[in-house]
C-alpha cells in the first residue's frame, strides 16, 4: 500500500474512532447509561449482576410514576462513598404512606402491586412524603435497605428510569 493511501486510511479510521468515542460519551452523560445490579434487594425482578439500561432524560419531560424502577444516587452517611442504587418508587411527593401487614396504603387506601416481589408482612408509618421527595422500596422486601430505613429520596438524586435488561442475554427484556 502506498504511503499516501496508508496515511489516508489511518486518518479516516482515527477520525471515525474519535467521533464514535465523543458520541458515546455524550450519550452516556445525557441520555442512556448502563448499570449493574449490586445486591439482591430487587429480586426476583432483577438479579445480582444483571445489567440494565437507564433512560436519563425521561424525567425532564414528566414526573416519576408509582412503581417505576429507578436508579438514584444514595445520600451517603458520614464517611461513606456515594453509591448508585436501584429501587421501585412506592410513594410520591405529598402522599401519606403506610405499610400494614406488607400492603402499601396511600392516603388511607391499599395499593395493588402487580409486579413480582418477595413479600414481607411488616408494618411501617404512617408518614407524609415531603415535597420533591419520594419513598422507594426494593422488591425483595425482607432484604432491602430502602426508604423504610434511611428516609426519603430527594428528587434531585434520581438519575433515571430503568427500562431494559441487557445481561444476561437469556433475560434480555424490557423492564
N, C-alpha and C. Protein backbone atom coordinates (compact mmCIF):
# COMPACT_ATOMS: atom_id res chain seq x y z
N UNK A 1 0.86 -1.17 0.00
CA UNK A 1 0.00 0.00 0.00
C UNK A 1 0.91 1.24 0.00
N UNK A 2 0.69 2.16 -0.94
CA UNK A 2 1.49 3.39 -0.95
C UNK A 2 1.32 4.18 0.34
N UNK A 3 2.34 4.92 0.68
CA UNK A 3 2.37 5.67 1.93
C UNK A 3 1.18 6.64 2.04
N UNK A 4 0.85 7.31 0.96
CA UNK A 4 -0.26 8.28 0.98
C UNK A 4 -1.60 7.59 1.30
N UNK A 5 -1.84 6.43 0.68
CA UNK A 5 -3.07 5.69 0.95
C UNK A 5 -3.11 5.20 2.40
N UNK A 6 -1.95 4.75 2.89
CA UNK A 6 -1.88 4.31 4.28
C UNK A 6 -2.18 5.46 5.24
N UNK A 7 -1.64 6.64 4.99
CA UNK A 7 -1.91 7.81 5.84
C UNK A 7 -3.39 8.19 5.80
N UNK A 8 -3.99 8.16 4.61
CA UNK A 8 -5.43 8.45 4.49
C UNK A 8 -6.27 7.43 5.25
N UNK A 9 -5.89 6.15 5.11
CA UNK A 9 -6.61 5.09 5.79
C UNK A 9 -6.53 5.27 7.30
N UNK A 10 -5.33 5.54 7.83
CA UNK A 10 -5.14 5.75 9.27
C UNK A 10 -5.93 6.98 9.73
N UNK A 11 -5.89 8.06 8.97
CA UNK A 11 -6.64 9.27 9.33
C UNK A 11 -8.14 9.00 9.35
N UNK A 12 -8.66 8.31 8.33
CA UNK A 12 -10.10 8.02 8.27
C UNK A 12 -10.55 7.18 9.46
N UNK A 13 -9.78 6.13 9.78
CA UNK A 13 -10.14 5.30 10.91
C UNK A 13 -10.00 6.06 12.24
N UNK A 14 -8.96 6.83 12.36
CA UNK A 14 -8.77 7.63 13.57
C UNK A 14 -9.91 8.62 13.78
N UNK A 15 -10.32 9.27 12.71
CA UNK A 15 -11.43 10.22 12.78
C UNK A 15 -12.73 9.51 13.19
N UNK A 16 -12.97 8.36 12.60
CA UNK A 16 -14.17 7.58 12.92
C UNK A 16 -14.18 7.17 14.39
N UNK A 17 -13.05 6.71 14.89
CA UNK A 17 -12.96 6.27 16.29
C UNK A 17 -13.16 7.45 17.24
N UNK A 18 -12.55 8.59 16.95
CA UNK A 18 -12.70 9.78 17.80
C UNK A 18 -14.16 10.23 17.83
N UNK A 19 -14.81 10.31 16.66
CA UNK A 19 -16.22 10.72 16.61
C UNK A 19 -17.09 9.73 17.39
N UNK A 20 -16.84 8.43 17.23
CA UNK A 20 -17.62 7.42 17.95
C UNK A 20 -17.44 7.56 19.46
N UNK A 21 -16.23 7.80 19.92
CA UNK A 21 -15.99 7.98 21.36
C UNK A 21 -16.69 9.23 21.89
N UNK A 22 -16.64 10.31 21.15
CA UNK A 22 -17.32 11.54 21.58
C UNK A 22 -18.82 11.32 21.66
N UNK A 23 -19.40 10.67 20.63
CA UNK A 23 -20.84 10.38 20.66
C UNK A 23 -21.20 9.47 21.83
N UNK A 24 -20.38 8.45 22.10
CA UNK A 24 -20.64 7.55 23.22
C UNK A 24 -20.61 8.30 24.55
N UNK A 25 -19.66 9.20 24.71
CA UNK A 25 -19.58 9.99 25.96
C UNK A 25 -20.78 10.90 26.11
N UNK A 26 -21.23 11.52 25.03
CA UNK A 26 -22.41 12.40 25.09
C UNK A 26 -23.65 11.59 25.43
N UNK A 27 -23.83 10.43 24.78
CA UNK A 27 -24.99 9.58 25.06
C UNK A 27 -24.98 9.14 26.52
N UNK A 28 -23.83 8.70 27.02
CA UNK A 28 -23.73 8.25 28.41
C UNK A 28 -23.98 9.38 29.39
N UNK A 29 -23.47 10.56 29.10
CA UNK A 29 -23.61 11.68 30.03
C UNK A 29 -25.04 12.20 30.10
N UNK A 30 -25.76 12.18 28.99
CA UNK A 30 -27.04 12.88 28.96
C UNK A 30 -28.26 12.01 28.67
N UNK A 31 -28.12 10.84 28.05
CA UNK A 31 -29.28 10.10 27.59
C UNK A 31 -29.47 8.72 28.19
N UNK A 32 -28.50 7.86 28.03
CA UNK A 32 -28.61 6.46 28.47
C UNK A 32 -27.36 6.07 29.23
N UNK A 33 -27.54 5.18 30.20
CA UNK A 33 -26.39 4.68 30.93
C UNK A 33 -26.65 3.24 31.35
N UNK A 34 -25.61 2.44 31.33
CA UNK A 34 -25.71 1.04 31.74
C UNK A 34 -25.29 0.93 33.21
N UNK A 35 -26.09 0.21 33.99
CA UNK A 35 -25.79 -0.04 35.40
C UNK A 35 -25.84 -1.54 35.65
N UNK A 36 -25.14 -1.99 36.67
CA UNK A 36 -25.22 -3.38 37.08
C UNK A 36 -25.89 -3.44 38.45
N UNK A 37 -26.55 -4.53 38.71
CA UNK A 37 -27.29 -4.72 39.96
C UNK A 37 -26.33 -5.28 41.01
N UNK A 38 -26.06 -4.50 42.09
CA UNK A 38 -25.05 -4.91 43.06
C UNK A 38 -25.55 -5.81 44.19
N UNK A 39 -26.87 -5.89 44.38
CA UNK A 39 -27.38 -6.64 45.54
C UNK A 39 -28.67 -7.35 45.18
N UNK A 40 -29.17 -8.13 46.11
CA UNK A 40 -30.40 -8.87 45.89
C UNK A 40 -31.65 -8.12 46.30
N UNK A 41 -31.58 -6.82 46.51
CA UNK A 41 -32.74 -6.07 47.02
C UNK A 41 -33.88 -5.96 46.01
N UNK A 42 -33.61 -6.23 44.72
CA UNK A 42 -34.67 -6.14 43.71
C UNK A 42 -35.10 -7.52 43.20
N UNK A 43 -34.61 -8.60 43.84
CA UNK A 43 -35.03 -9.93 43.44
C UNK A 43 -36.50 -10.13 43.79
N UNK A 44 -37.29 -10.80 43.04
CA UNK A 44 -36.97 -11.60 41.87
C UNK A 44 -37.01 -10.82 40.55
N UNK A 45 -37.33 -9.53 40.58
CA UNK A 45 -37.42 -8.75 39.34
C UNK A 45 -36.07 -8.64 38.65
N UNK A 46 -35.05 -8.28 39.40
CA UNK A 46 -33.68 -8.15 38.88
C UNK A 46 -32.75 -8.92 39.79
N UNK A 47 -31.82 -9.63 39.20
CA UNK A 47 -30.89 -10.46 39.96
C UNK A 47 -29.53 -9.78 40.10
N UNK A 48 -28.76 -10.21 41.07
CA UNK A 48 -27.41 -9.70 41.25
C UNK A 48 -26.62 -9.90 39.96
N UNK A 49 -25.90 -8.87 39.54
CA UNK A 49 -25.06 -8.83 38.35
C UNK A 49 -25.81 -8.66 37.04
N UNK A 50 -27.14 -8.52 37.07
CA UNK A 50 -27.85 -8.14 35.85
C UNK A 50 -27.33 -6.78 35.40
N UNK A 51 -27.37 -6.55 34.10
CA UNK A 51 -27.01 -5.24 33.54
C UNK A 51 -28.29 -4.62 32.97
N UNK A 52 -28.52 -3.36 33.33
CA UNK A 52 -29.72 -2.67 32.87
C UNK A 52 -29.33 -1.35 32.20
N UNK A 53 -30.22 -0.87 31.34
CA UNK A 53 -30.04 0.44 30.71
C UNK A 53 -31.04 1.39 31.34
N UNK A 54 -30.56 2.59 31.67
CA UNK A 54 -31.38 3.60 32.33
C UNK A 54 -31.57 4.79 31.39
N UNK A 55 -32.82 5.23 31.26
CA UNK A 55 -33.16 6.42 30.48
C UNK A 55 -32.99 7.62 31.40
N UNK A 56 -32.00 8.47 31.10
CA UNK A 56 -31.68 9.59 31.97
C UNK A 56 -32.44 10.87 31.61
N UNK A 57 -33.23 10.86 30.54
CA UNK A 57 -33.92 12.09 30.12
C UNK A 57 -35.43 12.07 30.37
N UNK A 58 -36.00 10.91 30.61
CA UNK A 58 -37.45 10.80 30.71
C UNK A 58 -38.05 11.75 31.75
N UNK A 59 -37.36 11.93 32.88
CA UNK A 59 -37.92 12.77 33.94
C UNK A 59 -37.69 14.26 33.70
N UNK A 60 -37.07 14.61 32.59
CA UNK A 60 -37.03 16.01 32.18
C UNK A 60 -38.36 16.41 31.53
N UNK A 61 -39.15 15.41 31.12
CA UNK A 61 -40.40 15.66 30.40
C UNK A 61 -41.64 15.29 31.20
N UNK A 62 -41.48 14.50 32.24
CA UNK A 62 -42.61 14.11 33.09
C UNK A 62 -42.10 13.73 34.47
N UNK A 63 -43.03 13.65 35.41
CA UNK A 63 -42.70 13.27 36.78
C UNK A 63 -42.61 11.74 36.89
N UNK A 64 -41.82 11.24 37.82
CA UNK A 64 -41.78 9.79 38.05
C UNK A 64 -43.16 9.27 38.47
N UNK A 65 -43.43 8.02 38.09
CA UNK A 65 -44.73 7.40 38.40
C UNK A 65 -44.53 6.26 39.40
N UNK A 66 -45.60 6.01 40.15
CA UNK A 66 -45.57 4.94 41.15
C UNK A 66 -45.22 3.60 40.50
N UNK A 67 -44.38 2.87 41.18
CA UNK A 67 -43.93 1.52 40.84
C UNK A 67 -42.96 1.46 39.67
N UNK A 68 -42.49 2.60 39.17
CA UNK A 68 -41.40 2.56 38.20
C UNK A 68 -40.12 2.18 38.93
N UNK A 69 -39.24 1.49 38.24
CA UNK A 69 -37.94 1.13 38.80
C UNK A 69 -36.97 2.24 38.40
N UNK A 70 -36.33 2.82 39.42
CA UNK A 70 -35.44 3.96 39.17
C UNK A 70 -34.04 3.68 39.71
N UNK A 71 -33.07 4.35 39.11
CA UNK A 71 -31.71 4.37 39.63
C UNK A 71 -31.49 5.76 40.19
N UNK A 72 -30.85 5.82 41.35
CA UNK A 72 -30.65 7.11 42.02
C UNK A 72 -29.34 7.11 42.77
N UNK A 73 -28.87 8.29 43.04
CA UNK A 73 -27.66 8.45 43.85
C UNK A 73 -28.09 8.48 45.30
N UNK A 74 -27.58 7.55 46.08
CA UNK A 74 -27.92 7.47 47.51
C UNK A 74 -27.31 8.64 48.24
N UNK A 75 -27.98 9.09 49.28
CA UNK A 75 -27.42 10.11 50.16
C UNK A 75 -26.50 9.37 51.11
N UNK A 76 -25.18 9.59 51.00
CA UNK A 76 -24.25 8.80 51.81
C UNK A 76 -24.25 9.23 53.27
N UNK A 77 -24.06 8.25 54.14
CA UNK A 77 -23.86 8.54 55.55
C UNK A 77 -22.45 9.12 55.72
N UNK A 78 -22.20 9.73 56.84
CA UNK A 78 -20.89 10.33 57.08
C UNK A 78 -19.78 9.32 56.85
N UNK A 79 -18.79 9.69 56.05
CA UNK A 79 -17.63 8.86 55.82
C UNK A 79 -17.83 7.76 54.79
N UNK A 80 -19.02 7.64 54.22
CA UNK A 80 -19.26 6.61 53.21
C UNK A 80 -19.22 7.23 51.81
N UNK A 81 -18.85 6.41 50.84
CA UNK A 81 -18.82 6.89 49.47
C UNK A 81 -20.24 6.96 48.90
N UNK A 82 -20.40 7.79 47.85
CA UNK A 82 -21.69 7.87 47.18
C UNK A 82 -21.88 6.63 46.31
N UNK A 83 -23.09 6.09 46.32
CA UNK A 83 -23.40 4.90 45.54
C UNK A 83 -24.63 5.16 44.69
N UNK A 84 -24.72 4.47 43.56
CA UNK A 84 -25.94 4.46 42.77
C UNK A 84 -26.70 3.21 43.15
N UNK A 85 -27.99 3.39 43.48
CA UNK A 85 -28.84 2.28 43.89
C UNK A 85 -30.04 2.16 42.96
N UNK A 86 -30.73 1.04 43.05
CA UNK A 86 -31.93 0.82 42.25
C UNK A 86 -33.04 0.32 43.17
N UNK A 87 -34.21 0.93 43.05
CA UNK A 87 -35.38 0.53 43.85
C UNK A 87 -36.64 0.84 43.03
N UNK A 88 -37.78 0.49 43.61
CA UNK A 88 -39.07 0.76 42.99
C UNK A 88 -39.73 1.94 43.73
N UNK A 89 -40.28 2.87 42.97
CA UNK A 89 -40.96 4.03 43.56
C UNK A 89 -42.29 3.59 44.17
N UNK A 90 -42.44 3.78 45.46
CA UNK A 90 -43.67 3.37 46.14
C UNK A 90 -44.53 4.57 46.51
N UNK A 91 -43.91 5.68 46.87
CA UNK A 91 -44.67 6.86 47.31
C UNK A 91 -44.18 8.12 46.62
N UNK A 92 -45.12 8.99 46.30
CA UNK A 92 -44.85 10.23 45.58
C UNK A 92 -44.96 11.44 46.50
N UNK A 93 -44.41 12.58 46.09
CA UNK A 93 -44.44 13.77 46.96
C UNK A 93 -45.85 14.12 47.43
N UNK A 94 -45.95 14.44 48.73
CA UNK A 94 -47.22 14.88 49.32
C UNK A 94 -48.15 13.78 49.76
N UNK A 95 -47.84 12.54 49.45
CA UNK A 95 -48.73 11.44 49.82
C UNK A 95 -48.48 10.99 51.26
N UNK A 96 -49.52 10.45 51.86
CA UNK A 96 -49.40 9.82 53.17
C UNK A 96 -49.27 8.32 52.90
N UNK A 97 -48.14 7.74 53.33
CA UNK A 97 -47.85 6.34 53.06
C UNK A 97 -47.80 5.56 54.36
N UNK A 98 -48.39 4.38 54.33
CA UNK A 98 -48.35 3.46 55.46
C UNK A 98 -48.28 2.05 54.90
N UNK A 99 -47.54 1.18 55.55
CA UNK A 99 -47.49 -0.22 55.18
C UNK A 99 -48.12 -1.01 56.32
N UNK A 100 -49.21 -1.73 56.01
CA UNK A 100 -49.91 -2.55 57.00
C UNK A 100 -49.88 -4.00 56.54
N UNK A 101 -49.29 -4.85 57.35
CA UNK A 101 -49.17 -6.28 57.03
C UNK A 101 -48.58 -6.48 55.62
N UNK A 102 -47.62 -5.63 55.25
CA UNK A 102 -46.95 -5.74 53.97
C UNK A 102 -47.66 -5.08 52.81
N UNK A 103 -48.85 -4.54 53.03
CA UNK A 103 -49.62 -3.88 51.97
C UNK A 103 -49.39 -2.38 52.05
N UNK A 104 -49.02 -1.77 50.92
CA UNK A 104 -48.81 -0.32 50.87
C UNK A 104 -50.16 0.37 50.80
N UNK A 105 -50.35 1.34 51.69
CA UNK A 105 -51.56 2.17 51.69
C UNK A 105 -51.13 3.60 51.39
N UNK A 106 -51.78 4.20 50.40
CA UNK A 106 -51.53 5.59 50.03
C UNK A 106 -52.78 6.38 50.35
N UNK A 107 -52.60 7.41 51.17
CA UNK A 107 -53.72 8.26 51.60
C UNK A 107 -54.88 7.42 52.13
N UNK A 108 -54.53 6.37 52.89
CA UNK A 108 -55.53 5.54 53.56
C UNK A 108 -56.11 4.42 52.72
N UNK A 109 -55.70 4.29 51.45
CA UNK A 109 -56.26 3.25 50.59
C UNK A 109 -55.16 2.28 50.15
N UNK A 110 -55.45 0.96 50.20
CA UNK A 110 -54.45 -0.01 49.76
C UNK A 110 -54.17 0.13 48.26
N UNK A 111 -52.91 -0.08 47.91
CA UNK A 111 -52.49 0.00 46.51
C UNK A 111 -52.09 -1.40 46.06
N UNK A 112 -52.61 -1.84 44.93
CA UNK A 112 -52.29 -3.17 44.41
C UNK A 112 -50.95 -3.12 43.69
N UNK A 113 -50.06 -4.02 44.06
CA UNK A 113 -48.77 -4.14 43.40
C UNK A 113 -48.83 -5.34 42.47
N UNK A 114 -48.77 -5.09 41.17
CA UNK A 114 -48.91 -6.15 40.17
C UNK A 114 -47.57 -6.80 39.81
N UNK A 115 -46.46 -6.22 40.26
CA UNK A 115 -45.15 -6.76 39.92
C UNK A 115 -44.78 -7.91 40.86
N UNK A 116 -43.83 -8.72 40.42
CA UNK A 116 -43.36 -9.82 41.27
C UNK A 116 -42.50 -9.27 42.40
N UNK A 117 -42.56 -9.91 43.54
CA UNK A 117 -41.74 -9.48 44.67
C UNK A 117 -41.69 -10.58 45.72
N UNK A 118 -40.73 -10.45 46.62
CA UNK A 118 -40.65 -11.29 47.80
C UNK A 118 -41.29 -10.49 48.93
N UNK A 119 -42.51 -10.82 49.24
CA UNK A 119 -43.35 -10.06 50.17
C UNK A 119 -42.89 -10.24 51.62
N UNK A 120 -43.03 -9.18 52.38
CA UNK A 120 -42.93 -9.31 53.83
C UNK A 120 -44.27 -8.82 54.40
N UNK A 121 -44.45 -9.00 55.67
CA UNK A 121 -45.74 -8.63 56.27
C UNK A 121 -45.54 -7.64 57.41
N UNK A 122 -44.55 -6.79 57.24
CA UNK A 122 -44.21 -5.80 58.27
C UNK A 122 -45.14 -4.59 58.18
N UNK A 123 -45.08 -3.79 59.23
CA UNK A 123 -45.82 -2.53 59.28
C UNK A 123 -44.83 -1.37 59.29
N UNK A 124 -45.25 -0.26 58.72
CA UNK A 124 -44.41 0.94 58.69
C UNK A 124 -45.32 2.15 58.56
N UNK A 125 -44.93 3.23 59.25
CA UNK A 125 -45.65 4.50 59.09
C UNK A 125 -46.83 4.58 60.02
N UNK A 126 -47.69 5.52 59.76
CA UNK A 126 -47.80 6.36 58.57
C UNK A 126 -46.80 7.53 58.57
N UNK A 127 -46.43 7.94 57.36
CA UNK A 127 -45.56 9.10 57.17
C UNK A 127 -46.11 9.91 55.99
N UNK A 128 -45.79 11.19 55.98
CA UNK A 128 -46.15 12.03 54.84
C UNK A 128 -44.87 12.37 54.09
N UNK A 129 -44.88 12.10 52.80
CA UNK A 129 -43.70 12.31 51.97
C UNK A 129 -43.59 13.80 51.65
N UNK A 130 -42.43 14.42 51.95
CA UNK A 130 -42.27 15.86 51.71
C UNK A 130 -42.30 16.21 50.22
N UNK A 131 -42.53 17.48 49.91
CA UNK A 131 -42.48 17.92 48.51
C UNK A 131 -41.10 17.60 47.91
N UNK A 132 -41.08 17.26 46.64
CA UNK A 132 -39.87 16.92 45.89
C UNK A 132 -39.06 15.80 46.53
N UNK A 133 -39.75 14.87 47.19
CA UNK A 133 -39.11 13.69 47.75
C UNK A 133 -39.96 12.47 47.39
N UNK A 134 -39.34 11.31 47.46
CA UNK A 134 -40.00 10.07 47.08
C UNK A 134 -39.72 9.01 48.13
N UNK A 135 -40.54 7.97 48.12
CA UNK A 135 -40.37 6.82 49.01
C UNK A 135 -40.14 5.61 48.13
N UNK A 136 -39.00 4.94 48.30
CA UNK A 136 -38.64 3.81 47.44
C UNK A 136 -38.50 2.54 48.27
N UNK A 137 -38.81 1.41 47.63
CA UNK A 137 -38.69 0.11 48.28
C UNK A 137 -38.14 -0.90 47.28
N UNK A 138 -37.38 -1.86 47.77
CA UNK A 138 -36.92 -2.95 46.92
C UNK A 138 -38.00 -4.00 46.76
N UNK A 139 -37.91 -4.81 45.72
CA UNK A 139 -38.88 -5.88 45.51
C UNK A 139 -38.64 -7.06 46.43
N UNK A 140 -37.44 -7.17 46.97
CA UNK A 140 -37.12 -8.22 47.94
C UNK A 140 -37.27 -7.57 49.32
N UNK A 141 -38.50 -7.39 49.74
CA UNK A 141 -38.83 -6.55 50.90
C UNK A 141 -38.10 -6.94 52.17
N UNK A 142 -37.86 -8.22 52.38
CA UNK A 142 -37.18 -8.65 53.61
C UNK A 142 -35.69 -8.31 53.59
N UNK A 143 -35.11 -8.13 52.40
CA UNK A 143 -33.66 -7.93 52.29
C UNK A 143 -33.33 -6.63 51.56
N UNK A 144 -34.15 -5.60 51.77
CA UNK A 144 -33.92 -4.34 51.07
C UNK A 144 -33.75 -3.20 52.06
N UNK A 145 -32.58 -2.58 52.02
CA UNK A 145 -32.38 -1.34 52.79
C UNK A 145 -32.91 -0.22 51.90
N UNK A 146 -34.04 0.34 52.28
CA UNK A 146 -34.72 1.32 51.42
C UNK A 146 -35.25 2.47 52.26
N UNK A 147 -36.23 3.20 51.76
CA UNK A 147 -36.74 4.38 52.47
C UNK A 147 -37.28 4.06 53.86
N UNK A 148 -37.65 2.83 54.11
CA UNK A 148 -38.09 2.46 55.45
C UNK A 148 -36.96 2.58 56.46
N UNK A 149 -35.71 2.51 55.99
CA UNK A 149 -34.54 2.55 56.87
C UNK A 149 -33.77 3.85 56.81
N UNK A 150 -33.60 4.42 55.61
CA UNK A 150 -32.77 5.62 55.50
C UNK A 150 -33.53 6.88 55.12
N UNK A 151 -34.84 6.80 55.00
CA UNK A 151 -35.64 8.00 54.80
C UNK A 151 -36.01 8.29 53.36
N UNK A 152 -36.42 9.52 53.14
CA UNK A 152 -36.94 9.92 51.83
C UNK A 152 -35.82 10.13 50.82
N UNK A 153 -36.15 9.89 49.56
CA UNK A 153 -35.21 10.11 48.46
C UNK A 153 -35.48 11.49 47.86
N UNK A 154 -34.51 12.41 47.91
CA UNK A 154 -34.70 13.71 47.27
C UNK A 154 -34.83 13.54 45.75
N UNK A 155 -35.77 14.25 45.15
CA UNK A 155 -35.98 14.15 43.72
C UNK A 155 -34.74 14.45 42.90
N UNK A 156 -33.89 15.34 43.40
CA UNK A 156 -32.67 15.71 42.67
C UNK A 156 -31.68 14.55 42.56
N UNK A 157 -31.84 13.52 43.37
CA UNK A 157 -30.93 12.37 43.36
C UNK A 157 -31.31 11.31 42.32
N UNK A 158 -32.47 11.45 41.70
CA UNK A 158 -32.91 10.46 40.72
C UNK A 158 -32.08 10.62 39.44
N UNK A 159 -31.49 9.52 39.00
CA UNK A 159 -30.69 9.51 37.77
C UNK A 159 -31.58 9.21 36.58
N UNK A 160 -32.47 8.21 36.71
CA UNK A 160 -33.35 7.88 35.59
C UNK A 160 -34.14 6.62 35.83
N UNK A 161 -34.90 6.27 34.81
CA UNK A 161 -35.81 5.13 34.84
C UNK A 161 -35.15 3.93 34.16
N UNK A 162 -35.13 2.80 34.86
CA UNK A 162 -34.63 1.56 34.27
C UNK A 162 -35.66 1.07 33.26
N UNK A 163 -35.20 0.73 32.05
CA UNK A 163 -36.18 0.30 31.05
C UNK A 163 -35.78 -0.95 30.27
N UNK A 164 -34.53 -1.38 30.37
CA UNK A 164 -34.10 -2.51 29.56
C UNK A 164 -33.04 -3.33 30.30
N UNK A 165 -33.25 -4.66 30.36
CA UNK A 165 -32.23 -5.55 30.90
C UNK A 165 -31.47 -6.11 29.70
N UNK A 166 -30.13 -5.92 29.71
CA UNK A 166 -29.33 -6.37 28.57
C UNK A 166 -28.42 -7.55 28.90
N UNK A 167 -28.28 -7.88 30.19
CA UNK A 167 -27.44 -9.00 30.58
C UNK A 167 -28.01 -9.67 31.80
N UNK A 168 -28.04 -10.95 31.86
CA UNK A 168 -27.57 -11.90 30.88
C UNK A 168 -28.47 -11.92 29.63
N UNK A 169 -27.89 -12.32 28.52
CA UNK A 169 -28.62 -12.31 27.26
C UNK A 169 -29.89 -13.18 27.30
N UNK A 170 -29.86 -14.22 28.11
CA UNK A 170 -31.04 -15.10 28.22
C UNK A 170 -32.22 -14.39 28.86
N UNK A 171 -31.96 -13.26 29.56
CA UNK A 171 -33.04 -12.50 30.20
C UNK A 171 -33.24 -11.13 29.54
N UNK A 172 -32.69 -10.94 28.35
CA UNK A 172 -32.82 -9.66 27.65
C UNK A 172 -34.31 -9.32 27.52
N UNK A 173 -34.70 -8.14 28.08
CA UNK A 173 -36.13 -7.78 28.04
C UNK A 173 -36.33 -6.34 28.49
N UNK A 174 -37.50 -5.82 28.18
CA UNK A 174 -37.92 -4.54 28.74
C UNK A 174 -38.26 -4.75 30.20
N UNK A 175 -38.03 -3.71 30.99
CA UNK A 175 -38.34 -3.80 32.43
C UNK A 175 -39.67 -3.10 32.67
